[in-house]
Amino acid sequence: MKYSEFRRWLLQQGAELTKASGGGSHLKVKLNGKASVLPFHGAKELPEPLRKKIMKDLGL
């Protein structure tokens, strides 16, 4: 799954995405009072362990 596809999926789940401070390529993700950080590299593939960690952090 690509970073952009996962970002789109998170938005469909109702997650709130904001740019992390410092202006880099990371997004803060908040959902149901839980938070995580999503590095954002557009069309590159998102590593499966990272996807699972973010989903676990958000309780999905």
PDB file of N, CA and C in Angstrom:
ATOM      1  N   MET A   1       0.852  -1.168   0.000  1.00  0.00           N
ATOM      2  CA  MET A   1       0.000   0.000   0.000  1.00  0.00           C
ATOM      3  C   MET A   1       0.902   1.236   0.000  1.00  0.00           C
ATOM      4  N   LYS A   2       0.554   2.202  -0.802  1.00  0.00           N
ATOM      5  CA  LYS A   2       1.340   3.427  -0.886  1.00  0.00           C
ATOM      6  C   LYS A   2       0.945   4.381   0.247  1.00  0.00           C
ATOM      7  N   TYR A   3       1.863   5.301   0.576  1.00  0.00           N
ATOM      8  CA  TYR A   3       1.598   6.277   1.626  1.00  0.00           C
ATOM      9  C   TYR A   3       0.316   7.051   1.328  1.00  0.00           C
ATOM     10  N   SER A   4       0.138   7.466   0.071  1.00  0.00           N
ATOM     11  CA  SER A   4      -1.041   8.261  -0.288  1.00  0.00           C
ATOM     12  C   SER A   4      -2.330   7.445  -0.133  1.00  0.00           C
ATOM     13  N   GLU A   5      -2.286   6.155  -0.449  1.00  0.00           N
ATOM     14  CA  GLU A   5      -3.469   5.294  -0.288  1.00  0.00           C
ATOM     15  C   GLU A   5      -3.816   5.131   1.187  1.00  0.00           C
ATOM     16  N   PHE A   6      -2.797   4.947   2.021  1.00  0.00           N
ATOM     17  CA  PHE A   6      -3.033   4.777   3.457  1.00  0.00           C
ATOM     18  C   PHE A   6      -3.573   6.069   4.066  1.00  0.00           C
ATOM     19  N   ARG A   7      -3.046   7.207   3.622  1.00  0.00           N
ATOM     20  CA  ARG A   7      -3.538   8.504   4.100  1.00  0.00           C
ATOM     21  C   ARG A   7      -5.018   8.661   3.750  1.00  0.00           C
ATOM     22  N   ARG A   8      -5.379   8.315   2.525  1.00  0.00           N
ATOM     23  CA  ARG A   8      -6.775   8.395   2.076  1.00  0.00           C
ATOM     24  C   ARG A   8      -7.657   7.471   2.910  1.00  0.00           C
ATOM     25  N   TRP A   9      -7.174   6.256   3.182  1.00  0.00           N
ATOM     26  CA  TRP A   9      -7.928   5.295   3.983  1.00  0.00           C
ATOM     27  C   TRP A   9      -8.140   5.818   5.403  1.00  0.00           C
ATOM     28  N   LEU A  10      -7.094   6.418   5.996  1.00  0.00           N
ATOM     29  CA  LEU A  10      -7.226   6.980   7.341  1.00  0.00           C
ATOM     30  C   LEU A  10      -8.286   8.081   7.367  1.00  0.00           C
ATOM     31  N   LEU A  11      -8.311   8.930   6.358  1.00  0.00           N
ATOM     32  CA  LEU A  11      -9.316   9.990   6.286  1.00  0.00           C
ATOM     33  C   LEU A  11     -10.721   9.403   6.196  1.00  0.00           C
ATOM     34  N   GLN A  12     -10.888   8.308   5.465  1.00  0.00           N
ATOM     35  CA  GLN A  12     -12.194   7.656   5.357  1.00  0.00           C
ATOM     36  C   GLN A  12     -12.632   7.075   6.699  1.00  0.00           C
ATOM     37  N   GLN A  13     -11.673   6.705   7.548  1.00  0.00           N
ATOM     38  CA  GLN A  13     -11.984   6.162   8.866  1.00  0.00           C
ATOM     39  C   GLN A  13     -12.343   7.270   9.856  1.00  0.00           C
ATOM     40  N   GLY A  14     -12.145   8.527   9.449  1.00  0.00           N
ATOM     41  CA  GLY A  14     -12.486   9.655  10.307  1.00  0.00           C
ATOM     42  C   GLY A  14     -11.299  10.248  11.039  1.00  0.00           C
ATOM     43  N   ALA A  15     -10.088   9.891  10.642  1.00  0.00           N
ATOM     44  CA  ALA A  15      -8.887  10.409  11.293  1.00  0.00           C
ATOM     45  C   ALA A  15      -8.681  11.877  10.933  1.00  0.00           C
ATOM     46  N   GLU A  16      -8.064  12.600  11.868  1.00  0.00           N
ATOM     47  CA  GLU A  16      -7.722  14.000  11.656  1.00  0.00           C
ATOM     48  C   GLU A  16      -6.220  14.063  11.398  1.00  0.00           C
ATOM     49  N   LEU A  17      -5.822  14.610  10.263  1.00  0.00           N
ATOM     50  CA  LEU A  17      -4.409  14.699   9.891  1.00  0.00           C
ATOM     51  C   LEU A  17      -3.963  16.151   9.929  1.00  0.00           C
ATOM     52  N   THR A  18      -2.850  16.412  10.611  1.00  0.00           N
ATOM     53  CA  THR A  18      -2.277  17.753  10.651  1.00  0.00           C
ATOM     54  C   THR A  18      -0.781  17.650  10.406  1.00  0.00           C
ATOM     55  N   LYS A  19      -0.208  18.708   9.858  1.00  0.00           N
ATOM     56  CA  LYS A  19       1.238  18.720   9.630  1.00  0.00           C
ATOM     57  C   LYS A  19       1.951  18.770  10.973  1.00  0.00           C
ATOM     58  N   ALA A  20       2.997  17.989  11.097  1.00  0.00           N
ATOM     59  CA  ALA A  20       3.812  18.022  12.303  1.00  0.00           C
ATOM     60  C   ALA A  20       4.603  19.328  12.316  1.00  0.00           C
ATOM     61  N   SER A  21       4.941  19.814  13.507  1.00  0.00           N
ATOM     62  CA  SER A  21       5.693  21.060  13.593  1.00  0.00           C
ATOM     63  C   SER A  21       7.064  20.878  12.955  1.00  0.00           C
ATOM     64  N   GLY A  22       7.592  21.923  12.398  1.00  0.00           N
ATOM     65  CA  GLY A  22       8.883  21.853  11.744  1.00  0.00           C
ATOM     66  C   GLY A  22       8.777  21.764  10.237  1.00  0.00           C
ATOM     67  N   GLY A  23       7.601  21.480   9.719  1.00  0.00           N
ATOM     68  CA  GLY A  23       7.371  21.508   8.283  1.00  0.00           C
ATOM     69  C   GLY A  23       7.969  20.366   7.491  1.00  0.00           C
ATOM     70  N   GLY A  24       8.368  19.289   8.135  1.00  0.00           N
ATOM     71  CA  GLY A  24       8.954  18.162   7.412  1.00  0.00           C
ATOM     72  C   GLY A  24       7.919  17.346   6.669  1.00  0.00           C
ATOM     73  N   SER A  25       8.227  16.086   6.454  1.00  0.00           N
ATOM     74  CA  SER A  25       7.340  15.228   5.672  1.00  0.00           C
ATOM     75  C   SER A  25       6.564  14.261   6.560  1.00  0.00           C
ATOM     76  N   HIS A  26       6.193  14.704   7.759  1.00  0.00           N
ATOM     77  CA  HIS A  26       5.440  13.857   8.677  1.00  0.00           C
ATOM     78  C   HIS A  26       4.087  14.494   8.982  1.00  0.00           C
ATOM     79  N   LEU A  27       3.092  13.646   9.215  1.00  0.00           N
ATOM     80  CA  LEU A  27       1.755  14.107   9.573  1.00  0.00           C
ATOM     81  C   LEU A  27       1.380  13.527  10.925  1.00  0.00           C
ATOM     82  N   LYS A  28       0.730  14.339  11.761  1.00  0.00           N
ATOM     83  CA  LYS A  28       0.178  13.834  13.014  1.00  0.00           C
ATOM     84  C   LYS A  28      -1.204  13.287  12.701  1.00  0.00           C
ATOM     85  N   VAL A  29      -1.494  12.107  13.205  1.00  0.00           N
ATOM     86  CA  VAL A  29      -2.776  11.452  12.959  1.00  0.00           C
ATOM     87  C   VAL A  29      -3.480  11.282  14.294  1.00  0.00           C
ATOM     88  N   LYS A  30      -4.728  11.757  14.393  1.00  0.00           N
ATOM     89  CA  LYS A  30      -5.522  11.599  15.609  1.00  0.00           C
ATOM     90  C   LYS A  30      -6.831  10.922  15.260  1.00  0.00           C
ATOM     91  N   LEU A  31      -7.207   9.940  16.102  1.00  0.00           N
ATOM     92  CA  LEU A  31      -8.454   9.219  15.898  1.00  0.00           C
ATOM     93  C   LEU A  31      -8.918   8.675  17.234  1.00  0.00           C
ATOM     94  N   ASN A  32     -10.132   9.016  17.638  1.00  0.00           N
ATOM     95  CA  ASN A  32     -10.733   8.524  18.881  1.00  0.00           C
ATOM     96  C   ASN A  32      -9.851   8.771  20.099  1.00  0.00           C
ATOM     97  N   GLY A  33      -9.226   9.945  20.172  1.00  0.00           N
ATOM     98  CA  GLY A  33      -8.399  10.289  21.315  1.00  0.00           C
ATOM     99  C   GLY A  33      -7.018   9.657  21.314  1.00  0.00           C
ATOM    100  N   LYS A  34      -6.677   8.925  20.285  1.00  0.00           N
ATOM    101  CA  LYS A  34      -5.357   8.300  20.175  1.00  0.00           C
ATOM    102  C   LYS A  34      -4.592   8.986  19.055  1.00  0.00           C
ATOM    103  N   ALA A  35      -3.256   8.949  19.145  1.00  0.00           N
ATOM    104  CA  ALA A  35      -2.448   9.661  18.159  1.00  0.00           C
ATOM    105  C   ALA A  35      -1.271   8.820  17.687  1.00  0.00           C
ATOM    106  N   SER A  36      -0.789   9.157  16.506  1.00  0.00           N
ATOM    107  CA  SER A  36       0.392   8.526  15.929  1.00  0.00           C
ATOM    108  C   SER A  36       0.989   9.510  14.929  1.00  0.00           C
ATOM    109  N   VAL A  37       2.142   9.157  14.389  1.00  0.00           N
ATOM    110  CA  VAL A  37       2.802  10.000  13.394  1.00  0.00           C
ATOM    111  C   VAL A  37       2.963   9.195  12.114  1.00  0.00           C
ATOM    112  N   LEU A  38       2.592   9.805  11.000  1.00  0.00           N
ATOM    113  CA  LEU A  38       2.691   9.156   9.695  1.00  0.00           C
ATOM    114  C   LEU A  38       3.721   9.889   8.850  1.00  0.00           C
ATOM    115  N   PRO A  39       4.860   9.243   8.545  1.00  0.00           N
ATOM    116  CA  PRO A  39       5.756   9.865   7.576  1.00  0.00           C
ATOM    117  C   PRO A  39       5.038   9.863   6.231  1.00  0.00           C
ATOM    118  N   PHE A  40       5.196  10.918   5.452  1.00  0.00           N
ATOM    119  CA  PHE A  40       4.458  10.978   4.194  1.00  0.00           C
ATOM    120  C   PHE A  40       5.416  11.133   3.033  1.00  0.00           C
ATOM    121  N   HIS A  41       5.474  10.095   2.183  1.00  0.00           N
ATOM    122  CA  HIS A  41       6.362  10.092   1.033  1.00  0.00           C
ATOM    123  C   HIS A  41       5.595   9.779  -0.249  1.00  0.00           C
ATOM    124  N   GLY A  42       4.330  10.174  -0.293  1.00  0.00           N
ATOM    125  CA  GLY A  42       3.517  10.111  -1.504  1.00  0.00           C
ATOM    126  C   GLY A  42       3.390   8.762  -2.167  1.00  0.00           C
ATOM    127  N   ALA A  43       4.053   8.609  -3.314  1.00  0.00           N
ATOM    128  CA  ALA A  43       3.865   7.428  -4.155  1.00  0.00           C
ATOM    129  C   ALA A  43       4.724   6.234  -3.739  1.00  0.00           C
ATOM    130  N   LYS A  44       5.562   6.390  -2.713  1.00  0.00           N
ATOM    131  CA  LYS A  44       6.390   5.264  -2.275  1.00  0.00           C
ATOM    132  C   LYS A  44       5.553   4.272  -1.482  1.00  0.00           C
ATOM    133  N   GLU A  45       6.032   3.045  -1.416  1.00  0.00           N
ATOM    134  CA  GLU A  45       5.338   2.001  -0.667  1.00  0.00           C
ATOM    135  C   GLU A  45       5.536   2.194   0.836  1.00  0.00           C
ATOM    136  N   LEU A  46       4.473   2.029   1.591  1.00  0.00           N
ATOM    137  CA  LEU A  46       4.511   2.100   3.047  1.00  0.00           C
ATOM    138  C   LEU A  46       4.884   0.717   3.567  1.00  0.00           C
ATOM    139  N   PRO A  47       5.958   0.602   4.364  1.00  0.00           N
ATOM    140  CA  PRO A  47       6.328  -0.712   4.895  1.00  0.00           C
ATOM    141  C   PRO A  47       5.207  -1.305   5.752  1.00  0.00           C
ATOM    142  N   GLU A  48       4.952  -2.580   5.588  1.00  0.00           N
ATOM    143  CA  GLU A  48       3.862  -3.261   6.299  1.00  0.00           C
ATOM    144  C   GLU A  48       3.982  -3.137   7.822  1.00  0.00           C
ATOM    145  N   PRO A  49       5.184  -3.317   8.420  1.00  0.00           N
ATOM    146  CA  PRO A  49       5.282  -3.178   9.878  1.00  0.00           C
ATOM    147  C   PRO A  49       4.905  -1.774  10.362  1.00  0.00           C
ATOM    148  N   LEU A  50       5.237  -0.748   9.581  1.00  0.00           N
ATOM    149  CA  LEU A  50       4.884   0.620   9.953  1.00  0.00           C
ATOM    150  C   LEU A  50       3.376   0.824   9.873  1.00  0.00           C
ATOM    151  N   ARG A  51       2.752   0.300   8.834  1.00  0.00           N
ATOM    152  CA  ARG A  51       1.292   0.412   8.697  1.00  0.00           C
ATOM    153  C   ARG A  51       0.600  -0.245   9.885  1.00  0.00           C
ATOM    154  N   LYS A  52       1.059  -1.435  10.265  1.00  0.00           N
ATOM    155  CA  LYS A  52       0.459  -2.144  11.396  1.00  0.00           C
ATOM    156  C   LYS A  52       0.664  -1.383  12.701  1.00  0.00           C
ATOM    157  N   LYS A  53       1.843  -0.764  12.889  1.00  0.00           N
ATOM    158  CA  LYS A  53       2.122  -0.002  14.110  1.00  0.00           C
ATOM    159  C   LYS A  53       1.200   1.200  14.215  1.00  0.00           C
ATOM    160  N   ILE A  54       1.016   1.925  13.119  1.00  0.00           N
ATOM    161  CA  ILE A  54       0.144   3.102  13.134  1.00  0.00           C
ATOM    162  C   ILE A  54      -1.288   2.676  13.434  1.00  0.00           C
ATOM    163  N   MET A  55      -1.736   1.592  12.813  1.00  0.00           N
ATOM    164  CA  MET A  55      -3.094   1.105  13.068  1.00  0.00           C
ATOM    165  C   MET A  55      -3.245   0.677  14.527  1.00  0.00           C
ATOM    166  N   LYS A  56      -2.238   0.037  15.097  1.00  0.00           N
ATOM    167  CA  LYS A  56      -2.281  -0.383  16.500  1.00  0.00           C
ATOM    168  C   LYS A  56      -2.322   0.839  17.416  1.00  0.00           C
ATOM    169  N   ASP A  57      -1.503   1.856  17.113  1.00  0.00           N
ATOM    170  CA  ASP A  57      -1.485   3.088  17.904  1.00  0.00           C
ATOM    171  C   ASP A  57      -2.856   3.756  17.928  1.00  0.00           C
ATOM    172  N   LEU A  58      -3.580   3.676  16.805  1.00  0.00           N
ATOM    173  CA  LEU A  58      -4.883   4.333  16.689  1.00  0.00           C
ATOM    174  C   LEU A  58      -6.039   3.435  17.121  1.00  0.00           C
ATOM    175  N   GLY A  59      -5.741   2.198  17.478  1.00  0.00           N
ATOM    176  CA  GLY A  59      -6.781   1.276  17.926  1.00  0.00           C
ATOM    177  C   GLY A  59      -7.622   0.719  16.796  1.00  0.00           C
ATOM    178  N   LEU A  60      -7.052   0.580  15.617  1.00  0.00           N
ATOM    179  CA  LEU A  60      -7.781   0.035  14.461  1.00  0.00           C
ATOM    180  C   LEU A  60      -7.412  -1.414  14.231  1.00  0.00           C
TER     181      LEU A  60
END
